[in-house]
């Protein structure tokens, strides 16, 4: 079942890329594997998926121990400051940086032998009170502080817009995020990643510039 789901998602990726003259190989499919079993993750791994996103440190560490090598692990949940040290030690990517205190902890505790930690800064594009992320007008100042941290590799932006039913509305908000990335690139920031799009809207996200999509339900089925 999972192998078939992966094929369907990759077919959708190819169709979206064909419609907007993009290379589908540049889209990183991340399996959002929160609450999924070890056997389910191994099944996805055997089906060719290598990127997995986890929301909780303890759950992720148990999976890492069981699954073994060959996986690129992304932290995609909210970061508690007291857990930043361990997150920095065991993950390859962190998508949800929105606090200088947390960024400095990730930098301080990153093992030198693992190389810089890839990070995306989370923005709160809809200014939702219940959601993490920086407001757009806070972003530039924050990025100038993050690029000073030598053990972090600042790669791009991440966002979780509020749900929108119509694709035209989904594309509109994803375009806002892409435009913000372009604006920052034009100011000299070396950013190459846009982490946006989930099961309900990843097609629209790809059409508007996503390079990483985080898929849970469409890949693993409903929890």
C-alpha atoms as a PDB file:
ATOM      1  CA  UNK A   1       0.000   0.000   0.000  1.00  0.00           C
ATOM      2  CA  UNK A   2       2.709   2.494   0.980  1.00  0.00           C
ATOM      3  CA  UNK A   3       4.691   1.748  -2.160  1.00  0.00           C
ATOM      4  CA  UNK A   4       1.592   2.508  -4.219  1.00  0.00           C
ATOM      5  CA  UNK A   5       1.014   5.732  -2.293  1.00  0.00           C
ATOM      6  CA  UNK A   6       4.586   6.820  -2.934  1.00  0.00           C
ATOM      7  CA  UNK A   7       4.118   6.153  -6.652  1.00  0.00           C
ATOM      8  CA  UNK A   8       0.926   8.229  -6.695  1.00  0.00           C
ATOM      9  CA  UNK A   9       2.601  11.122  -4.912  1.00  0.00           C
ATOM     10  CA  UNK A  10       5.610  11.010  -7.224  1.00  0.00           C
ATOM     11  CA  UNK A  11       3.297  10.959 -10.246  1.00  0.00           C
ATOM     12  CA  UNK A  12       1.559  14.055  -8.892  1.00  0.00           C
ATOM     13  CA  UNK A  13       4.937  15.703  -8.338  1.00  0.00           C
ATOM     14  CA  UNK A  14       5.913  14.951 -11.943  1.00  0.00           C
ATOM     15  CA  UNK A  15       2.640  16.342 -13.288  1.00  0.00           C
ATOM     16  CA  UNK A  16       2.918  19.531 -11.244  1.00  0.00           C
ATOM     17  CA  UNK A  17       6.531  20.017 -12.314  1.00  0.00           C
ATOM     18  CA  UNK A  18       5.693  19.398 -15.965  1.00  0.00           C
ATOM     19  CA  UNK A  19       2.989  22.068 -15.821  1.00  0.00           C
ATOM     20  CA  UNK A  20       5.389  24.675 -14.450  1.00  0.00           C
ATOM     21  CA  UNK A  21       8.672  23.664 -16.131  1.00  0.00           C
ATOM     22  CA  UNK A  22      10.378  22.362 -13.012  1.00  0.00           C
ATOM     23  CA  UNK A  23      12.653  19.396 -12.469  1.00  0.00           C
ATOM     24  CA  UNK A  24      10.837  16.817 -10.286  1.00  0.00           C
ATOM     25  CA  UNK A  25      14.204  15.584  -9.055  1.00  0.00           C
ATOM     26  CA  UNK A  26      14.572  18.862  -7.183  1.00  0.00           C
ATOM     27  CA  UNK A  27      11.515  18.141  -5.008  1.00  0.00           C
ATOM     28  CA  UNK A  28      12.343  16.367  -1.749  1.00  0.00           C
ATOM     29  CA  UNK A  29       9.502  14.167  -0.514  1.00  0.00           C
ATOM     30  CA  UNK A  30       9.535  13.931   3.280  1.00  0.00           C
ATOM     31  CA  UNK A  31       7.416  11.268   4.910  1.00  0.00           C
ATOM     32  CA  UNK A  32       5.767  12.892   7.946  1.00  0.00           C
ATOM     33  CA  UNK A  33       6.061   9.814  10.121  1.00  0.00           C
ATOM     34  CA  UNK A  34       4.732  11.020  13.482  1.00  0.00           C
ATOM     35  CA  UNK A  35       2.895   8.154  15.229  1.00  0.00           C
ATOM     36  CA  UNK A  36       3.890   5.678  12.507  1.00  0.00           C
ATOM     37  CA  UNK A  37       5.330   2.305  13.484  1.00  0.00           C
ATOM     38  CA  UNK A  38       8.866   1.106  12.835  1.00  0.00           C
ATOM     39  CA  UNK A  39       7.548  -1.471  10.372  1.00  0.00           C
ATOM     40  CA  UNK A  40       5.654   1.220   8.458  1.00  0.00           C
ATOM     41  CA  UNK A  41       8.744   3.402   8.197  1.00  0.00           C
ATOM     42  CA  UNK A  42      10.821   0.416   7.067  1.00  0.00           C
ATOM     43  CA  UNK A  43       8.213  -0.358   4.426  1.00  0.00           C
ATOM     44  CA  UNK A  44       8.472   3.215   3.117  1.00  0.00           C
ATOM     45  CA  UNK A  45      12.263   2.981   3.227  1.00  0.00           C
ATOM     46  CA  UNK A  46      12.173  -0.268   1.246  1.00  0.00           C
ATOM     47  CA  UNK A  47       9.948   1.542  -1.282  1.00  0.00           C
ATOM     48  CA  UNK A  48      12.636   4.138  -1.909  1.00  0.00           C
ATOM     49  CA  UNK A  49      11.765   6.912   0.549  1.00  0.00           C
ATOM     50  CA  UNK A  50      14.826   8.209   2.403  1.00  0.00           C
ATOM     51  CA  UNK A  51      13.600  11.444   4.036  1.00  0.00           C
ATOM     52  CA  UNK A  52      11.433  11.235   7.166  1.00  0.00           C
ATOM     53  CA  UNK A  53      10.060  14.033   9.332  1.00  0.00           C
ATOM     54  CA  UNK A  54       9.374  13.694  13.026  1.00  0.00           C
ATOM     55  CA  UNK A  55       7.623  16.009  15.486  1.00  0.00           C
ATOM     56  CA  UNK A  56       8.759  14.616  18.833  1.00  0.00           C
ATOM     57  CA  UNK A  57      12.310  13.922  19.949  1.00  0.00           C
ATOM     58  CA  UNK A  58      11.744  10.859  22.133  1.00  0.00           C
ATOM     59  CA  UNK A  59       9.587   9.113  19.545  1.00  0.00           C
ATOM     60  CA  UNK A  60      12.100   9.941  16.828  1.00  0.00           C
ATOM     61  CA  UNK A  61      15.079   8.586  18.768  1.00  0.00           C
ATOM     62  CA  UNK A  62      13.356   5.249  19.295  1.00  0.00           C
ATOM     63  CA  UNK A  63      12.744   5.012  15.553  1.00  0.00           C
ATOM     64  CA  UNK A  64      16.290   6.042  14.674  1.00  0.00           C
ATOM     65  CA  UNK A  65      17.698   3.259  16.826  1.00  0.00           C
ATOM     66  CA  UNK A  66      15.468   0.659  15.167  1.00  0.00           C
ATOM     67  CA  UNK A  67      15.550   1.828  11.560  1.00  0.00           C
ATOM     68  CA  UNK A  68      19.316   2.251  11.339  1.00  0.00           C
ATOM     69  CA  UNK A  69      21.328   3.904   8.584  1.00  0.00           C
ATOM     70  CA  UNK A  70      20.209   5.181   5.208  1.00  0.00           C
ATOM     71  CA  UNK A  71      17.684   7.728   6.468  1.00  0.00           C
ATOM     72  CA  UNK A  72      17.805  11.522   6.447  1.00  0.00           C
ATOM     73  CA  UNK A  73      15.915  12.741   9.495  1.00  0.00           C
ATOM     74  CA  UNK A  74      14.068  16.056   9.566  1.00  0.00           C
ATOM     75  CA  UNK A  75      12.707  17.649  12.732  1.00  0.00           C
ATOM     76  CA  UNK A  76       9.405  19.286  11.767  1.00  0.00           C
ATOM     77  CA  UNK A  77       7.743  19.894  15.145  1.00  0.00           C
ATOM     78  CA  UNK A  78       7.850  22.773  17.600  1.00  0.00           C
ATOM     79  CA  UNK A  79      11.180  22.908  19.424  1.00  0.00           C
ATOM     80  CA  UNK A  80      11.258  22.969  23.201  1.00  0.00           C
ATOM     81  CA  UNK A  81      14.372  24.815  24.313  1.00  0.00           C
ATOM     82  CA  UNK A  82      15.394  22.050  26.742  1.00  0.00           C
ATOM     83  CA  UNK A  83      15.366  19.523  23.904  1.00  0.00           C
ATOM     84  CA  UNK A  84      17.309  21.615  21.396  1.00  0.00           C
ATOM     85  CA  UNK A  85      20.649  20.075  22.433  1.00  0.00           C
ATOM     86  CA  UNK A  86      19.602  16.526  21.595  1.00  0.00           C
ATOM     87  CA  UNK A  87      17.711  17.570  18.454  1.00  0.00           C
ATOM     88  CA  UNK A  88      20.898  19.182  17.187  1.00  0.00           C
ATOM     89  CA  UNK A  89      22.860  16.016  17.910  1.00  0.00           C
ATOM     90  CA  UNK A  90      20.644  13.484  16.124  1.00  0.00           C
ATOM     91  CA  UNK A  91      18.804  15.223  13.255  1.00  0.00           C
ATOM     92  CA  UNK A  92      20.067  16.146   9.789  1.00  0.00           C
ATOM     93  CA  UNK A  93      17.570  18.970   9.251  1.00  0.00           C
ATOM     94  CA  UNK A  94      15.490  21.227  11.492  1.00  0.00           C
ATOM     95  CA  UNK A  95      12.604  23.044   9.773  1.00  0.00           C
ATOM     96  CA  UNK A  96      11.107  24.966  12.682  1.00  0.00           C
ATOM     97  CA  UNK A  97      13.672  27.490  13.892  1.00  0.00           C
ATOM     98  CA  UNK A  98      11.938  30.687  15.022  1.00  0.00           C
ATOM     99  CA  UNK A  99      13.796  31.632  18.208  1.00  0.00           C
ATOM    100  CA  UNK A 100      17.339  32.950  18.571  1.00  0.00           C
ATOM    101  CA  UNK A 101      17.654  31.169  21.923  1.00  0.00           C
ATOM    102  CA  UNK A 102      16.882  27.835  20.262  1.00  0.00           C
ATOM    103  CA  UNK A 103      19.086  28.608  17.251  1.00  0.00           C
ATOM    104  CA  UNK A 104      22.052  29.301  19.534  1.00  0.00           C
ATOM    105  CA  UNK A 105      21.491  26.016  21.370  1.00  0.00           C
ATOM    106  CA  UNK A 106      21.314  24.104  18.105  1.00  0.00           C
ATOM    107  CA  UNK A 107      24.578  25.775  17.100  1.00  0.00           C
ATOM    108  CA  UNK A 108      26.361  25.192  20.399  1.00  0.00           C
ATOM    109  CA  UNK A 109      25.579  21.492  20.639  1.00  0.00           C
ATOM    110  CA  UNK A 110      25.945  20.420  17.006  1.00  0.00           C
ATOM    111  CA  UNK A 111      28.643  17.716  16.869  1.00  0.00           C
ATOM    112  CA  UNK A 112      31.532  19.008  14.762  1.00  0.00           C
ATOM    113  CA  UNK A 113      32.009  15.626  13.082  1.00  0.00           C
ATOM    114  CA  UNK A 114      28.455  15.735  11.698  1.00  0.00           C
ATOM    115  CA  UNK A 115      28.990  19.036   9.906  1.00  0.00           C
ATOM    116  CA  UNK A 116      26.663  22.040  10.061  1.00  0.00           C
ATOM    117  CA  UNK A 117      22.996  21.373  10.822  1.00  0.00           C
ATOM    118  CA  UNK A 118      20.676  22.275   7.948  1.00  0.00           C
ATOM    119  CA  UNK A 119      17.983  24.629   9.193  1.00  0.00           C
ATOM    120  CA  UNK A 120      14.906  26.370   7.831  1.00  0.00           C
ATOM    121  CA  UNK A 121      13.325  29.338   9.558  1.00  0.00           C
ATOM    122  CA  UNK A 122       9.614  28.956  10.187  1.00  0.00           C
ATOM    123  CA  UNK A 123       7.385  31.871   9.258  1.00  0.00           C
ATOM    124  CA  UNK A 124       3.814  32.428  10.386  1.00  0.00           C
ATOM    125  CA  UNK A 125       2.476  33.678   7.074  1.00  0.00           C
ATOM    126  CA  UNK A 126      -1.118  34.063   8.311  1.00  0.00           C
ATOM    127  CA  UNK A 127      -0.148  35.637  11.660  1.00  0.00           C
ATOM    128  CA  UNK A 128      -2.078  32.963  13.557  1.00  0.00           C
ATOM    129  CA  UNK A 129      -1.854  33.363  17.327  1.00  0.00           C
ATOM    130  CA  UNK A 130      -1.863  29.609  17.942  1.00  0.00           C
ATOM    131  CA  UNK A 131       0.895  28.822  15.453  1.00  0.00           C
ATOM    132  CA  UNK A 132       4.670  29.017  15.752  1.00  0.00           C
ATOM    133  CA  UNK A 133       6.829  31.030  13.404  1.00  0.00           C
ATOM    134  CA  UNK A 134       8.120  34.526  12.813  1.00  0.00           C
ATOM    135  CA  UNK A 135       6.092  37.299  11.240  1.00  0.00           C
ATOM    136  CA  UNK A 136       7.393  38.356   7.847  1.00  0.00           C
ATOM    137  CA  UNK A 137       8.553  41.743   9.116  1.00  0.00           C
ATOM    138  CA  UNK A 138      10.703  40.018  11.780  1.00  0.00           C
ATOM    139  CA  UNK A 139      12.407  37.714   9.345  1.00  0.00           C
ATOM    140  CA  UNK A 140      15.307  39.687   7.903  1.00  0.00           C
ATOM    141  CA  UNK A 141      16.712  40.794  11.257  1.00  0.00           C
ATOM    142  CA  UNK A 142      16.440  37.232  12.556  1.00  0.00           C
ATOM    143  CA  UNK A 143      18.260  35.764   9.554  1.00  0.00           C
ATOM    144  CA  UNK A 144      21.192  38.137  10.045  1.00  0.00           C
ATOM    145  CA  UNK A 145      21.610  36.673  13.531  1.00  0.00           C
ATOM    146  CA  UNK A 146      21.289  33.048  12.392  1.00  0.00           C
ATOM    147  CA  UNK A 147      23.948  33.344   9.666  1.00  0.00           C
ATOM    148  CA  UNK A 148      26.473  34.272  12.366  1.00  0.00           C
ATOM    149  CA  UNK A 149      26.124  30.774  13.853  1.00  0.00           C
ATOM    150  CA  UNK A 150      28.893  28.661  12.341  1.00  0.00           C
ATOM    151  CA  UNK A 151      27.440  25.225  13.094  1.00  0.00           C
ATOM    152  CA  UNK A 152      24.135  25.966  11.371  1.00  0.00           C
ATOM    153  CA  UNK A 153      23.614  25.990   7.599  1.00  0.00           C
ATOM    154  CA  UNK A 154      20.729  28.340   6.879  1.00  0.00           C
ATOM    155  CA  UNK A 155      18.908  26.790   3.929  1.00  0.00           C
ATOM    156  CA  UNK A 156      15.500  28.402   3.555  1.00  0.00           C
ATOM    157  CA  UNK A 157      12.012  29.021   4.864  1.00  0.00           C
ATOM    158  CA  UNK A 158       9.303  26.730   6.199  1.00  0.00           C
ATOM    159  CA  UNK A 159       5.618  27.515   6.588  1.00  0.00           C
ATOM    160  CA  UNK A 160       2.320  25.870   7.483  1.00  0.00           C
ATOM    161  CA  UNK A 161      -0.400  28.185   6.161  1.00  0.00           C
ATOM    162  CA  UNK A 162      -3.913  27.818   7.516  1.00  0.00           C
ATOM    163  CA  UNK A 163      -5.989  25.361   5.438  1.00  0.00           C
ATOM    164  CA  UNK A 164      -7.550  26.660   2.242  1.00  0.00           C
ATOM    165  CA  UNK A 165      -9.937  24.556   0.163  1.00  0.00           C
ATOM    166  CA  UNK A 166      -9.476  26.093  -3.286  1.00  0.00           C
ATOM    167  CA  UNK A 167      -6.209  25.647  -5.143  1.00  0.00           C
ATOM    168  CA  UNK A 168      -6.243  29.265  -6.279  1.00  0.00           C
ATOM    169  CA  UNK A 169      -6.244  30.363  -2.634  1.00  0.00           C
ATOM    170  CA  UNK A 170      -3.561  27.827  -1.717  1.00  0.00           C
ATOM    171  CA  UNK A 171      -1.360  29.068  -4.538  1.00  0.00           C
ATOM    172  CA  UNK A 172      -1.845  32.663  -3.512  1.00  0.00           C
ATOM    173  CA  UNK A 173      -0.435  32.143  -0.015  1.00  0.00           C
ATOM    174  CA  UNK A 174       2.388  29.903  -1.252  1.00  0.00           C
ATOM    175  CA  UNK A 175       3.300  32.624  -3.749  1.00  0.00           C
ATOM    176  CA  UNK A 176       3.583  35.083  -0.858  1.00  0.00           C
ATOM    177  CA  UNK A 177       6.064  32.748   0.818  1.00  0.00           C
ATOM    178  CA  UNK A 178       8.038  32.242  -2.391  1.00  0.00           C
ATOM    179  CA  UNK A 179       8.125  35.993  -3.003  1.00  0.00           C
ATOM    180  CA  UNK A 180       9.535  36.487   0.483  1.00  0.00           C
ATOM    181  CA  UNK A 181      12.264  33.938  -0.234  1.00  0.00           C
ATOM    182  CA  UNK A 182      13.087  35.707  -3.502  1.00  0.00           C
ATOM    183  CA  UNK A 183      13.215  39.040  -1.690  1.00  0.00           C
ATOM    184  CA  UNK A 184      15.709  37.631   0.809  1.00  0.00           C
ATOM    185  CA  UNK A 185      17.792  36.043  -1.952  1.00  0.00           C
ATOM    186  CA  UNK A 186      17.955  39.422  -3.687  1.00  0.00           C
ATOM    187  CA  UNK A 187      19.305  40.888  -0.450  1.00  0.00           C
ATOM    188  CA  UNK A 188      22.168  38.394  -0.497  1.00  0.00           C
ATOM    189  CA  UNK A 189      20.907  35.563   1.690  1.00  0.00           C
ATOM    190  CA  UNK A 190      21.993  32.211   0.229  1.00  0.00           C
ATOM    191  CA  UNK A 191      18.710  30.354   0.590  1.00  0.00           C
ATOM    192  CA  UNK A 192      17.755  27.448  -1.655  1.00  0.00           C
ATOM    193  CA  UNK A 193      14.904  25.654   0.108  1.00  0.00           C
ATOM    194  CA  UNK A 194      11.185  26.190   0.595  1.00  0.00           C
ATOM    195  CA  UNK A 195       9.605  23.668   2.947  1.00  0.00           C
ATOM    196  CA  UNK A 196       5.878  23.990   2.342  1.00  0.00           C
ATOM    197  CA  UNK A 197       2.973  21.800   1.320  1.00  0.00           C
ATOM    198  CA  UNK A 198       1.298  18.836   2.998  1.00  0.00           C
ATOM    199  CA  UNK A 199      -1.200  16.190   1.880  1.00  0.00           C
ATOM    200  CA  UNK A 200      -4.026  18.664   1.283  1.00  0.00           C
ATOM    201  CA  UNK A 201      -2.086  21.272  -0.682  1.00  0.00           C
ATOM    202  CA  UNK A 202       1.301  20.008  -1.871  1.00  0.00           C
ATOM    203  CA  UNK A 203       0.368  20.282  -5.543  1.00  0.00           C
ATOM    204  CA  UNK A 204      -0.248  24.010  -5.155  1.00  0.00           C
ATOM    205  CA  UNK A 205       2.931  24.352  -3.117  1.00  0.00           C
ATOM    206  CA  UNK A 206       5.066  22.742  -5.823  1.00  0.00           C
ATOM    207  CA  UNK A 207       3.573  24.996  -8.488  1.00  0.00           C
ATOM    208  CA  UNK A 208       4.588  27.997  -6.393  1.00  0.00           C
ATOM    209  CA  UNK A 209       8.144  26.941  -5.680  1.00  0.00           C
ATOM    210  CA  UNK A 210       8.233  24.340  -2.896  1.00  0.00           C
ATOM    211  CA  UNK A 211      11.396  22.260  -2.857  1.00  0.00           C
ATOM    212  CA  UNK A 212      10.443  20.124   0.164  1.00  0.00           C
ATOM    213  CA  UNK A 213       6.966  18.755   0.860  1.00  0.00           C
ATOM    214  CA  UNK A 214       5.953  17.045   4.105  1.00  0.00           C
ATOM    215  CA  UNK A 215       3.418  14.299   3.459  1.00  0.00           C
ATOM    216  CA  UNK A 216       1.707  12.213   6.127  1.00  0.00           C
ATOM    217  CA  UNK A 217      -1.849  11.091   5.336  1.00  0.00           C
ATOM    218  CA  UNK A 218      -1.440  10.646   1.567  1.00  0.00           C
ATOM    219  CA  UNK A 219       1.638   8.510   2.146  1.00  0.00           C
ATOM    220  CA  UNK A 220       0.880   6.494   5.275  1.00  0.00           C
ATOM    221  CA  UNK A 221      -2.919   6.703   5.374  1.00  0.00           C
ATOM    222  CA  UNK A 222      -5.018   8.167   8.170  1.00  0.00           C
ATOM    223  CA  UNK A 223      -3.633   7.667  11.665  1.00  0.00           C
END
